[in-house]
Amino acid sequence: MTDSKIHILTCALKLFLEKGYDRATMMDLVRATGLSKGAFYHYFKNKEELYQATIEHYFLRFFQTEANLPEDLDAFLEMLWQSYVNMLLELQKEIPDLSAYYRFLFAVLPRIRPELVAYHQQVREVLIQNLTGQVRPSAISPEQAADHILALIEGTGMLAVVRGTAGLEEQFKASLNSYLALIRSK
């Protein structure tokens, strides 16, 4: 992706966060980029196309799973939380207020729900496969543990909004390792 296109997407995200999709006009978007109309329209024909590209660049690309997912539970969990950390840190470079990420996510949720549901279902299934035989059956089912792990990852990301991202990797590791220690069969 070209620097100009990324610049447009970054400016668009900031403006969509500030004004919302409905109140942001194409003129506002062109002005925010500092580009000429011609240069701007070279990349995006209309606001809807720009909005969709912004959603894809800042959200959907982070929710794509790799073709070859690790089969080891610990490696898979590290891949999950590391991609979440990378997303938050990358977003924070563009938008220092990470709460904006969640506001935008909830605003676009109706548009991206099918992709998010598919992603979460795929990740959940891999977690269930990896957790089967590794959790104490008297304590929890693999399905429940998978849901808890997904919630733990999302929750740790949400706490980063409150606490900041310093030590974020350690927070993810500590949270997941503590939880796994509670549920793993000996």
N, C-alpha and C. Protein backbone atom coordinates (compact mmCIF):
# COMPACT_ATOMS: atom_id res chain seq x y z
N MET A 1 0.85 -1.17 0.00
CA MET A 1 0.00 0.00 0.00
C MET A 1 0.90 1.24 0.00
N THR A 2 0.54 2.23 -0.79
CA THR A 2 1.38 3.42 -0.91
C THR A 2 1.28 4.30 0.34
N ASP A 3 2.29 5.14 0.53
CA ASP A 3 2.29 6.07 1.66
C ASP A 3 1.10 7.02 1.59
N SER A 4 0.76 7.47 0.38
CA SER A 4 -0.37 8.40 0.23
C SER A 4 -1.68 7.73 0.64
N LYS A 5 -1.85 6.48 0.26
CA LYS A 5 -3.08 5.78 0.60
C LYS A 5 -3.17 5.57 2.12
N ILE A 6 -2.06 5.20 2.73
CA ILE A 6 -2.04 5.02 4.18
C ILE A 6 -2.32 6.35 4.88
N HIS A 7 -1.75 7.43 4.34
CA HIS A 7 -2.00 8.77 4.90
C HIS A 7 -3.49 9.10 4.84
N ILE A 8 -4.12 8.82 3.72
CA ILE A 8 -5.56 9.08 3.57
C ILE A 8 -6.35 8.25 4.57
N LEU A 9 -6.00 6.97 4.71
CA LEU A 9 -6.72 6.09 5.65
C LEU A 9 -6.56 6.57 7.09
N THR A 10 -5.36 7.01 7.44
CA THR A 10 -5.12 7.51 8.79
C THR A 10 -5.94 8.76 9.07
N CYS A 11 -5.91 9.70 8.12
CA CYS A 11 -6.71 10.93 8.27
C CYS A 11 -8.20 10.60 8.33
N ALA A 12 -8.63 9.66 7.50
CA ALA A 12 -10.04 9.28 7.48
C ALA A 12 -10.45 8.66 8.81
N LEU A 13 -9.63 7.78 9.35
CA LEU A 13 -9.95 7.17 10.63
C LEU A 13 -10.12 8.24 11.71
N LYS A 14 -9.18 9.17 11.76
CA LYS A 14 -9.25 10.23 12.76
C LYS A 14 -10.52 11.06 12.58
N LEU A 15 -10.86 11.38 11.34
CA LEU A 15 -12.05 12.19 11.09
C LEU A 15 -13.33 11.41 11.38
N PHE A 16 -13.37 10.13 11.00
CA PHE A 16 -14.54 9.30 11.30
C PHE A 16 -14.72 9.17 12.82
N LEU A 17 -13.62 9.09 13.55
CA LEU A 17 -13.71 9.02 15.01
C LEU A 17 -14.22 10.33 15.59
N GLU A 18 -13.76 11.43 15.02
CA GLU A 18 -14.13 12.75 15.53
C GLU A 18 -15.58 13.11 15.18
N LYS A 19 -15.96 12.90 13.92
CA LYS A 19 -17.27 13.37 13.45
C LYS A 19 -18.29 12.26 13.25
N GLY A 20 -17.81 11.04 13.10
CA GLY A 20 -18.72 9.96 12.73
C GLY A 20 -18.82 9.90 11.21
N TYR A 21 -19.25 8.76 10.72
CA TYR A 21 -19.34 8.56 9.27
C TYR A 21 -20.32 9.54 8.63
N ASP A 22 -21.49 9.68 9.21
CA ASP A 22 -22.54 10.50 8.60
C ASP A 22 -22.17 11.98 8.52
N ARG A 23 -21.49 12.50 9.54
CA ARG A 23 -21.18 13.93 9.56
C ARG A 23 -19.89 14.29 8.84
N ALA A 24 -19.04 13.33 8.57
CA ALA A 24 -17.80 13.60 7.83
C ALA A 24 -18.12 13.69 6.34
N THR A 25 -17.79 14.81 5.73
CA THR A 25 -18.05 14.98 4.30
C THR A 25 -16.79 14.66 3.51
N MET A 26 -16.96 14.45 2.23
CA MET A 26 -15.80 14.21 1.37
C MET A 26 -14.88 15.43 1.39
N MET A 27 -15.45 16.62 1.44
CA MET A 27 -14.63 17.83 1.49
C MET A 27 -13.81 17.86 2.77
N ASP A 28 -14.43 17.46 3.90
CA ASP A 28 -13.69 17.37 5.17
C ASP A 28 -12.52 16.39 5.03
N LEU A 29 -12.80 15.27 4.41
CA LEU A 29 -11.79 14.22 4.26
C LEU A 29 -10.64 14.68 3.37
N VAL A 30 -10.97 15.33 2.26
CA VAL A 30 -9.93 15.85 1.35
C VAL A 30 -9.09 16.88 2.10
N ARG A 31 -9.75 17.79 2.79
CA ARG A 31 -9.06 18.85 3.54
C ARG A 31 -8.14 18.25 4.60
N ALA A 32 -8.61 17.24 5.31
CA ALA A 32 -7.82 16.63 6.39
C ALA A 32 -6.52 16.01 5.87
N THR A 33 -6.54 15.53 4.64
CA THR A 33 -5.34 14.90 4.08
C THR A 33 -4.32 15.90 3.57
N GLY A 34 -4.80 17.09 3.22
CA GLY A 34 -3.90 18.08 2.63
C GLY A 34 -3.59 17.80 1.17
N LEU A 35 -4.24 16.81 0.59
CA LEU A 35 -4.03 16.46 -0.81
C LEU A 35 -5.00 17.24 -1.70
N SER A 36 -4.68 17.28 -2.97
CA SER A 36 -5.62 17.87 -3.92
C SER A 36 -6.79 16.92 -4.10
N LYS A 37 -7.91 17.45 -4.59
CA LYS A 37 -9.08 16.59 -4.85
C LYS A 37 -8.71 15.47 -5.81
N GLY A 38 -7.97 15.83 -6.85
CA GLY A 38 -7.58 14.83 -7.85
C GLY A 38 -6.76 13.71 -7.26
N ALA A 39 -5.79 14.07 -6.42
CA ALA A 39 -4.95 13.05 -5.78
C ALA A 39 -5.79 12.17 -4.86
N PHE A 40 -6.69 12.80 -4.13
CA PHE A 40 -7.55 12.07 -3.21
C PHE A 40 -8.45 11.09 -3.97
N TYR A 41 -9.12 11.60 -5.00
CA TYR A 41 -10.06 10.77 -5.75
C TYR A 41 -9.36 9.71 -6.60
N HIS A 42 -8.07 9.86 -6.79
CA HIS A 42 -7.30 8.82 -7.48
C HIS A 42 -7.35 7.52 -6.66
N TYR A 43 -7.38 7.66 -5.34
CA TYR A 43 -7.39 6.49 -4.46
C TYR A 43 -8.78 6.02 -4.07
N PHE A 44 -9.70 6.97 -3.87
CA PHE A 44 -11.03 6.61 -3.40
C PHE A 44 -12.09 7.40 -4.15
N LYS A 45 -13.05 6.68 -4.75
CA LYS A 45 -14.09 7.33 -5.55
C LYS A 45 -15.13 8.04 -4.70
N ASN A 46 -15.40 7.50 -3.51
CA ASN A 46 -16.45 8.08 -2.68
C ASN A 46 -16.20 7.75 -1.20
N LYS A 47 -17.01 8.33 -0.37
CA LYS A 47 -16.85 8.18 1.08
C LYS A 47 -17.07 6.73 1.52
N GLU A 48 -18.02 6.06 0.93
CA GLU A 48 -18.30 4.66 1.29
C GLU A 48 -17.10 3.77 1.00
N GLU A 49 -16.48 3.97 -0.15
CA GLU A 49 -15.29 3.19 -0.51
C GLU A 49 -14.15 3.46 0.48
N LEU A 50 -13.98 4.73 0.84
CA LEU A 50 -12.95 5.10 1.81
C LEU A 50 -13.26 4.50 3.19
N TYR A 51 -14.49 4.56 3.59
CA TYR A 51 -14.90 4.01 4.89
C TYR A 51 -14.61 2.51 4.94
N GLN A 52 -14.98 1.80 3.89
CA GLN A 52 -14.74 0.36 3.83
C GLN A 52 -13.24 0.06 3.87
N ALA A 53 -12.45 0.84 3.13
CA ALA A 53 -11.00 0.64 3.14
C ALA A 53 -10.41 0.92 4.52
N THR A 54 -10.96 1.92 5.21
CA THR A 54 -10.50 2.25 6.56
C THR A 54 -10.80 1.10 7.51
N ILE A 55 -11.99 0.56 7.41
CA ILE A 55 -12.39 -0.59 8.24
C ILE A 55 -11.46 -1.78 7.97
N GLU A 56 -11.22 -2.05 6.70
CA GLU A 56 -10.36 -3.18 6.35
C GLU A 56 -8.94 -2.98 6.86
N HIS A 57 -8.41 -1.77 6.67
CA HIS A 57 -7.02 -1.51 7.06
C HIS A 57 -6.83 -1.54 8.57
N TYR A 58 -7.75 -0.95 9.30
CA TYR A 58 -7.56 -0.82 10.74
C TYR A 58 -8.19 -1.93 11.57
N PHE A 59 -9.05 -2.74 10.98
CA PHE A 59 -9.72 -3.76 11.78
C PHE A 59 -9.67 -5.14 11.16
N LEU A 60 -10.23 -5.29 9.99
CA LEU A 60 -10.41 -6.64 9.44
C LEU A 60 -9.10 -7.35 9.19
N ARG A 61 -8.06 -6.64 8.80
CA ARG A 61 -6.79 -7.34 8.53
C ARG A 61 -6.22 -7.97 9.79
N PHE A 62 -6.56 -7.44 10.94
CA PHE A 62 -6.07 -8.02 12.19
C PHE A 62 -6.87 -9.26 12.59
N PHE A 63 -8.02 -9.44 11.98
CA PHE A 63 -8.88 -10.57 12.32
C PHE A 63 -8.82 -11.67 11.27
N GLN A 64 -7.73 -11.73 10.56
CA GLN A 64 -7.54 -12.81 9.60
C GLN A 64 -6.58 -13.82 10.21
N THR A 65 -6.97 -15.06 10.14
CA THR A 65 -6.10 -16.08 10.71
C THR A 65 -5.14 -16.59 9.65
N GLU A 66 -4.00 -17.03 10.11
CA GLU A 66 -3.00 -17.56 9.21
C GLU A 66 -3.46 -18.91 8.66
N ALA A 67 -2.96 -19.24 7.49
CA ALA A 67 -3.34 -20.52 6.86
C ALA A 67 -2.85 -21.70 7.71
N ASN A 68 -1.64 -21.61 8.21
CA ASN A 68 -1.07 -22.69 9.02
C ASN A 68 -1.05 -22.27 10.49
N LEU A 69 -2.12 -22.57 11.19
CA LEU A 69 -2.20 -22.21 12.59
C LEU A 69 -1.38 -23.19 13.43
N PRO A 70 -0.69 -22.69 14.45
CA PRO A 70 0.07 -23.59 15.32
C PRO A 70 -0.87 -24.60 15.98
N GLU A 71 -0.43 -25.83 16.05
CA GLU A 71 -1.26 -26.87 16.66
C GLU A 71 -1.01 -26.99 18.16
N ASP A 72 0.10 -26.47 18.63
CA ASP A 72 0.42 -26.47 20.05
C ASP A 72 -0.35 -25.34 20.72
N LEU A 73 -1.00 -25.63 21.85
CA LEU A 73 -1.83 -24.64 22.54
C LEU A 73 -1.05 -23.39 22.90
N ASP A 74 0.12 -23.55 23.50
CA ASP A 74 0.89 -22.38 23.93
C ASP A 74 1.32 -21.53 22.73
N ALA A 75 1.73 -22.18 21.65
CA ALA A 75 2.14 -21.44 20.45
C ALA A 75 0.94 -20.72 19.83
N PHE A 76 -0.21 -21.38 19.83
CA PHE A 76 -1.42 -20.76 19.27
C PHE A 76 -1.83 -19.55 20.10
N LEU A 77 -1.81 -19.70 21.43
CA LEU A 77 -2.17 -18.58 22.30
C LEU A 77 -1.21 -17.41 22.13
N GLU A 78 0.07 -17.72 22.00
CA GLU A 78 1.04 -16.64 21.79
C GLU A 78 0.78 -15.92 20.47
N MET A 79 0.44 -16.67 19.43
CA MET A 79 0.11 -16.05 18.15
C MET A 79 -1.09 -15.12 18.32
N LEU A 80 -2.11 -15.57 19.07
CA LEU A 80 -3.32 -14.76 19.27
C LEU A 80 -3.02 -13.47 20.01
N TRP A 81 -2.39 -13.60 21.19
CA TRP A 81 -2.19 -12.38 21.97
C TRP A 81 -1.15 -11.48 21.32
N GLN A 82 -0.16 -12.06 20.65
CA GLN A 82 0.86 -11.23 20.00
C GLN A 82 0.25 -10.42 18.86
N SER A 83 -0.68 -11.01 18.11
CA SER A 83 -1.32 -10.25 17.03
C SER A 83 -2.19 -9.14 17.62
N TYR A 84 -2.80 -9.39 18.77
CA TYR A 84 -3.61 -8.36 19.44
C TYR A 84 -2.72 -7.22 19.92
N VAL A 85 -1.60 -7.56 20.54
CA VAL A 85 -0.64 -6.55 21.00
C VAL A 85 -0.14 -5.73 19.81
N ASN A 86 0.24 -6.41 18.74
CA ASN A 86 0.74 -5.71 17.55
C ASN A 86 -0.30 -4.74 17.02
N MET A 87 -1.57 -5.17 16.99
CA MET A 87 -2.64 -4.31 16.50
C MET A 87 -2.76 -3.07 17.38
N LEU A 88 -2.81 -3.27 18.70
CA LEU A 88 -2.97 -2.13 19.61
C LEU A 88 -1.80 -1.16 19.51
N LEU A 89 -0.59 -1.69 19.45
CA LEU A 89 0.58 -0.82 19.38
C LEU A 89 0.65 -0.09 18.04
N GLU A 90 0.27 -0.76 16.97
CA GLU A 90 0.25 -0.10 15.66
C GLU A 90 -0.82 0.99 15.63
N LEU A 91 -1.99 0.69 16.16
CA LEU A 91 -3.05 1.70 16.22
C LEU A 91 -2.65 2.88 17.09
N GLN A 92 -1.96 2.60 18.17
CA GLN A 92 -1.58 3.67 19.09
C GLN A 92 -0.61 4.67 18.44
N LYS A 93 0.16 4.21 17.46
CA LYS A 93 1.05 5.13 16.73
C LYS A 93 0.23 6.19 16.00
N GLU A 94 -0.91 5.77 15.47
CA GLU A 94 -1.77 6.68 14.70
C GLU A 94 -2.76 7.42 15.59
N ILE A 95 -3.28 6.73 16.59
CA ILE A 95 -4.31 7.29 17.45
C ILE A 95 -3.91 7.00 18.90
N PRO A 96 -3.27 7.97 19.55
CA PRO A 96 -2.79 7.73 20.91
C PRO A 96 -3.88 7.30 21.90
N ASP A 97 -5.10 7.75 21.70
CA ASP A 97 -6.20 7.38 22.60
C ASP A 97 -6.81 6.06 22.12
N LEU A 98 -6.38 4.96 22.74
CA LEU A 98 -6.85 3.64 22.31
C LEU A 98 -8.34 3.44 22.51
N SER A 99 -8.96 4.22 23.37
CA SER A 99 -10.40 4.07 23.53
C SER A 99 -11.11 4.40 22.22
N ALA A 100 -10.47 5.19 21.36
CA ALA A 100 -11.04 5.51 20.05
C ALA A 100 -11.19 4.24 19.21
N TYR A 101 -10.25 3.31 19.37
CA TYR A 101 -10.33 2.04 18.65
C TYR A 101 -11.64 1.33 18.99
N TYR A 102 -11.94 1.25 20.27
CA TYR A 102 -13.16 0.56 20.68
C TYR A 102 -14.41 1.31 20.26
N ARG A 103 -14.38 2.64 20.32
CA ARG A 103 -15.53 3.41 19.85
C ARG A 103 -15.78 3.14 18.37
N PHE A 104 -14.71 3.15 17.59
CA PHE A 104 -14.86 2.90 16.16
C PHE A 104 -15.29 1.46 15.90
N LEU A 105 -14.71 0.52 16.64
CA LEU A 105 -15.09 -0.88 16.48
C LEU A 105 -16.58 -1.08 16.71
N PHE A 106 -17.10 -0.49 17.78
CA PHE A 106 -18.53 -0.64 18.06
C PHE A 106 -19.38 0.09 17.02
N ALA A 107 -18.86 1.18 16.47
CA ALA A 107 -19.61 1.90 15.44
C ALA A 107 -19.69 1.09 14.15
N VAL A 108 -18.63 0.36 13.82
CA VAL A 108 -18.62 -0.39 12.56
C VAL A 108 -19.06 -1.84 12.74
N LEU A 109 -19.32 -2.24 13.97
CA LEU A 109 -19.68 -3.63 14.25
C LEU A 109 -20.79 -4.17 13.36
N PRO A 110 -21.87 -3.42 13.12
CA PRO A 110 -22.91 -3.98 12.24
C PRO A 110 -22.38 -4.33 10.84
N ARG A 111 -21.40 -3.60 10.36
CA ARG A 111 -20.85 -3.86 9.02
C ARG A 111 -19.90 -5.05 9.01
N ILE A 112 -19.18 -5.25 10.10
CA ILE A 112 -18.14 -6.29 10.10
C ILE A 112 -18.50 -7.51 10.94
N ARG A 113 -19.71 -7.53 11.47
CA ARG A 113 -20.12 -8.66 12.31
C ARG A 113 -19.88 -10.02 11.65
N PRO A 114 -20.25 -10.23 10.39
CA PRO A 114 -20.02 -11.56 9.80
C PRO A 114 -18.54 -11.97 9.81
N GLU A 115 -17.64 -11.04 9.50
CA GLU A 115 -16.21 -11.35 9.51
C GLU A 115 -15.73 -11.64 10.93
N LEU A 116 -16.19 -10.87 11.90
CA LEU A 116 -15.78 -11.10 13.28
C LEU A 116 -16.31 -12.42 13.81
N VAL A 117 -17.55 -12.73 13.50
CA VAL A 117 -18.14 -14.00 13.93
C VAL A 117 -17.36 -15.16 13.33
N ALA A 118 -17.04 -15.08 12.05
CA ALA A 118 -16.28 -16.15 11.39
C ALA A 118 -14.90 -16.30 12.02
N TYR A 119 -14.23 -15.18 12.27
CA TYR A 119 -12.90 -15.21 12.89
C TYR A 119 -12.97 -15.84 14.28
N HIS A 120 -13.89 -15.35 15.10
CA HIS A 120 -14.00 -15.88 16.46
C HIS A 120 -14.38 -17.36 16.46
N GLN A 121 -15.23 -17.76 15.55
CA GLN A 121 -15.62 -19.17 15.49
C GLN A 121 -14.42 -20.04 15.11
N GLN A 122 -13.64 -19.58 14.14
CA GLN A 122 -12.47 -20.35 13.72
C GLN A 122 -11.46 -20.46 14.87
N VAL A 123 -11.19 -19.34 15.52
CA VAL A 123 -10.25 -19.34 16.64
C VAL A 123 -10.78 -20.21 17.78
N ARG A 124 -12.06 -20.10 18.07
CA ARG A 124 -12.68 -20.89 19.14
C ARG A 124 -12.54 -22.38 18.86
N GLU A 125 -12.78 -22.78 17.61
CA GLU A 125 -12.67 -24.20 17.26
C GLU A 125 -11.24 -24.72 17.45
N VAL A 126 -10.26 -23.92 17.05
CA VAL A 126 -8.86 -24.33 17.23
C VAL A 126 -8.53 -24.41 18.72
N LEU A 127 -9.02 -23.45 19.48
CA LEU A 127 -8.80 -23.49 20.93
C LEU A 127 -9.42 -24.74 21.55
N ILE A 128 -10.64 -25.05 21.17
CA ILE A 128 -11.32 -26.24 21.71
C ILE A 128 -10.51 -27.50 21.39
N GLN A 129 -10.05 -27.61 20.15
CA GLN A 129 -9.24 -28.77 19.76
C GLN A 129 -7.99 -28.86 20.63
N ASN A 130 -7.33 -27.71 20.83
CA ASN A 130 -6.09 -27.69 21.61
C ASN A 130 -6.33 -27.92 23.10
N LEU A 131 -7.48 -27.50 23.59
CA LEU A 131 -7.78 -27.63 25.02
C LEU A 131 -8.31 -29.01 25.40
N THR A 132 -8.87 -29.72 24.42
CA THR A 132 -9.42 -31.05 24.70
C THR A 132 -8.30 -31.96 25.21
N GLY A 133 -8.53 -32.52 26.37
CA GLY A 133 -7.54 -33.39 26.99
C GLY A 133 -6.52 -32.65 27.84
N GLN A 134 -6.53 -31.31 27.77
CA GLN A 134 -5.56 -30.54 28.55
C GLN A 134 -6.18 -29.84 29.76
N VAL A 135 -7.52 -29.81 29.81
CA VAL A 135 -8.17 -29.15 30.95
C VAL A 135 -8.78 -30.21 31.86
N ARG A 136 -8.86 -29.87 33.13
CA ARG A 136 -9.46 -30.79 34.09
C ARG A 136 -10.96 -30.83 33.82
N PRO A 137 -11.49 -31.99 33.41
CA PRO A 137 -12.91 -32.09 33.08
C PRO A 137 -13.82 -31.72 34.25
N SER A 138 -13.35 -31.94 35.46
CA SER A 138 -14.17 -31.59 36.63
C SER A 138 -14.21 -30.08 36.85
N ALA A 139 -13.28 -29.36 36.24
CA ALA A 139 -13.21 -27.91 36.45
C ALA A 139 -13.96 -27.13 35.37
N ILE A 140 -13.80 -27.56 34.11
CA ILE A 140 -14.33 -26.76 33.01
C ILE A 140 -14.30 -27.57 31.72
N SER A 141 -15.19 -27.25 30.81
CA SER A 141 -15.17 -27.92 29.50
C SER A 141 -14.24 -27.15 28.57
N PRO A 142 -13.72 -27.82 27.53
CA PRO A 142 -12.88 -27.12 26.56
C PRO A 142 -13.62 -25.94 25.91
N GLU A 143 -14.92 -26.09 25.70
CA GLU A 143 -15.71 -25.01 25.09
C GLU A 143 -15.75 -23.78 26.00
N GLN A 144 -16.00 -24.02 27.28
CA GLN A 144 -16.03 -22.91 28.24
C GLN A 144 -14.65 -22.26 28.35
N ALA A 145 -13.62 -23.08 28.40
CA ALA A 145 -12.26 -22.56 28.51
C ALA A 145 -11.90 -21.71 27.29
N ALA A 146 -12.32 -22.16 26.11
CA ALA A 146 -12.05 -21.38 24.89
C ALA A 146 -12.73 -20.02 24.96
N ASP A 147 -13.98 -20.00 25.41
CA ASP A 147 -14.69 -18.72 25.55
C ASP A 147 -14.01 -17.82 26.58
N HIS A 148 -13.56 -18.41 27.67
CA HIS A 148 -12.88 -17.63 28.71
C HIS A 148 -11.57 -17.04 28.17
N ILE A 149 -10.84 -17.83 27.41
CA ILE A 149 -9.56 -17.35 26.86
C ILE A 149 -9.80 -16.19 25.89
N LEU A 150 -10.81 -16.33 25.04
CA LEU A 150 -11.12 -15.22 24.12
C LEU A 150 -11.50 -13.97 24.90
N ALA A 151 -12.30 -14.14 25.95
CA ALA A 151 -12.70 -13.00 26.78
C ALA A 151 -11.50 -12.41 27.52
N LEU A 152 -10.61 -13.27 27.95
CA LEU A 152 -9.40 -12.81 28.65
C LEU A 152 -8.52 -11.98 27.72
N ILE A 153 -8.38 -12.41 26.49
CA ILE A 153 -7.58 -11.66 25.52
C ILE A 153 -8.23 -10.31 25.25
N GLU A 154 -9.54 -10.32 24.97
CA GLU A 154 -10.25 -9.05 24.72
C GLU A 154 -10.19 -8.15 25.96
N GLY A 155 -10.38 -8.73 27.13
CA GLY A 155 -10.36 -7.95 28.36
C GLY A 155 -9.00 -7.34 28.65
N THR A 156 -7.94 -8.08 28.39
CA THR A 156 -6.60 -7.54 28.60
C THR A 156 -6.35 -6.37 27.64
N GLY A 157 -6.87 -6.50 26.42
CA GLY A 157 -6.77 -5.38 25.47
C GLY A 157 -7.54 -4.18 25.97
N MET A 158 -8.72 -4.41 26.52
CA MET A 158 -9.53 -3.31 27.05
C MET A 158 -8.83 -2.65 28.24
N LEU A 159 -8.20 -3.45 29.09
CA LEU A 159 -7.46 -2.88 30.22
C LEU A 159 -6.31 -2.00 29.76
N ALA A 160 -5.76 -2.29 28.59
CA ALA A 160 -4.68 -1.45 28.05
C ALA A 160 -5.18 -0.04 27.79
N VAL A 161 -6.47 0.09 27.48
CA VAL A 161 -7.06 1.42 27.28
C VAL A 161 -7.01 2.19 28.60
N VAL A 162 -7.28 1.50 29.69
CA VAL A 162 -7.33 2.13 31.01
C VAL A 162 -5.93 2.32 31.58
N ARG A 163 -5.12 1.28 31.50
CA ARG A 163 -3.81 1.28 32.16
C ARG A 163 -2.67 1.78 31.28
N GLY A 164 -2.86 1.77 29.99
CA GLY A 164 -1.78 2.10 29.07
C GLY A 164 -1.13 0.82 28.56
N THR A 165 -0.30 0.96 27.56
CA THR A 165 0.27 -0.22 26.90
C THR A 165 1.64 -0.61 27.44
N ALA A 166 2.16 0.10 28.43
CA ALA A 166 3.45 -0.28 29.00
C ALA A 166 3.33 -1.69 29.59
N GLY A 167 4.23 -2.56 29.20
CA GLY A 167 4.20 -3.92 29.72
C GLY A 167 3.05 -4.77 29.21
N LEU A 168 2.50 -4.40 28.07
CA LEU A 168 1.31 -5.10 27.55
C LEU A 168 1.58 -6.58 27.29
N GLU A 169 2.73 -6.89 26.71
CA GLU A 169 3.05 -8.30 26.44
C GLU A 169 3.08 -9.10 27.74
N GLU A 170 3.69 -8.53 28.77
CA GLU A 170 3.77 -9.21 30.06
C GLU A 170 2.38 -9.40 30.66
N GLN A 171 1.50 -8.41 30.47
CA GLN A 171 0.14 -8.53 30.98
C GLN A 171 -0.58 -9.70 30.32
N PHE A 172 -0.44 -9.82 29.00
CA PHE A 172 -1.08 -10.94 28.29
C PHE A 172 -0.52 -12.27 28.77
N LYS A 173 0.80 -12.36 28.83
CA LYS A 173 1.43 -13.62 29.27
C LYS A 173 0.97 -14.00 30.68
N ALA A 174 1.01 -13.04 31.60
CA ALA A 174 0.65 -13.33 32.99
C ALA A 174 -0.81 -13.75 33.10
N SER A 175 -1.69 -13.05 32.42
CA SER A 175 -3.12 -13.39 32.49
C SER A 175 -3.39 -14.79 31.95
N LEU A 176 -2.86 -15.07 30.78
CA LEU A 176 -3.11 -16.38 30.16
C LEU A 176 -2.44 -17.51 30.94
N ASN A 177 -1.21 -17.30 31.37
CA ASN A 177 -0.51 -18.35 32.12
C ASN A 177 -1.21 -18.65 33.44
N SER A 178 -1.69 -17.62 34.12
CA SER A 178 -2.42 -17.82 35.39
C SER A 178 -3.69 -18.62 35.15
N TYR A 179 -4.42 -18.25 34.10
CA TYR A 179 -5.66 -18.95 33.80
C TYR A 179 -5.39 -20.41 33.44
N LEU A 180 -4.40 -20.63 32.58
CA LEU A 180 -4.09 -22.01 32.17
C LEU A 180 -3.65 -22.85 33.37
N ALA A 181 -2.92 -22.26 34.29
CA ALA A 181 -2.49 -22.99 35.49
C ALA A 181 -3.70 -23.44 36.32
N LEU A 182 -4.75 -22.66 36.30
CA LEU A 182 -5.96 -23.01 37.06
C LEU A 182 -6.75 -24.16 36.43
N ILE A 183 -6.75 -24.23 35.11
CA ILE A 183 -7.63 -25.19 34.45
C ILE A 183 -6.94 -26.43 33.89
N ARG A 184 -5.63 -26.38 33.73
CA ARG A 184 -4.94 -27.51 33.11
C ARG A 184 -4.96 -28.74 34.01
N SER A 185 -5.08 -29.90 33.34
CA SER A 185 -4.98 -31.15 34.09
C SER A 185 -3.51 -31.34 34.45
N LYS A 186 -3.28 -31.96 35.55
CA LYS A 186 -1.90 -32.11 36.05
C LYS A 186 -1.14 -33.13 35.28
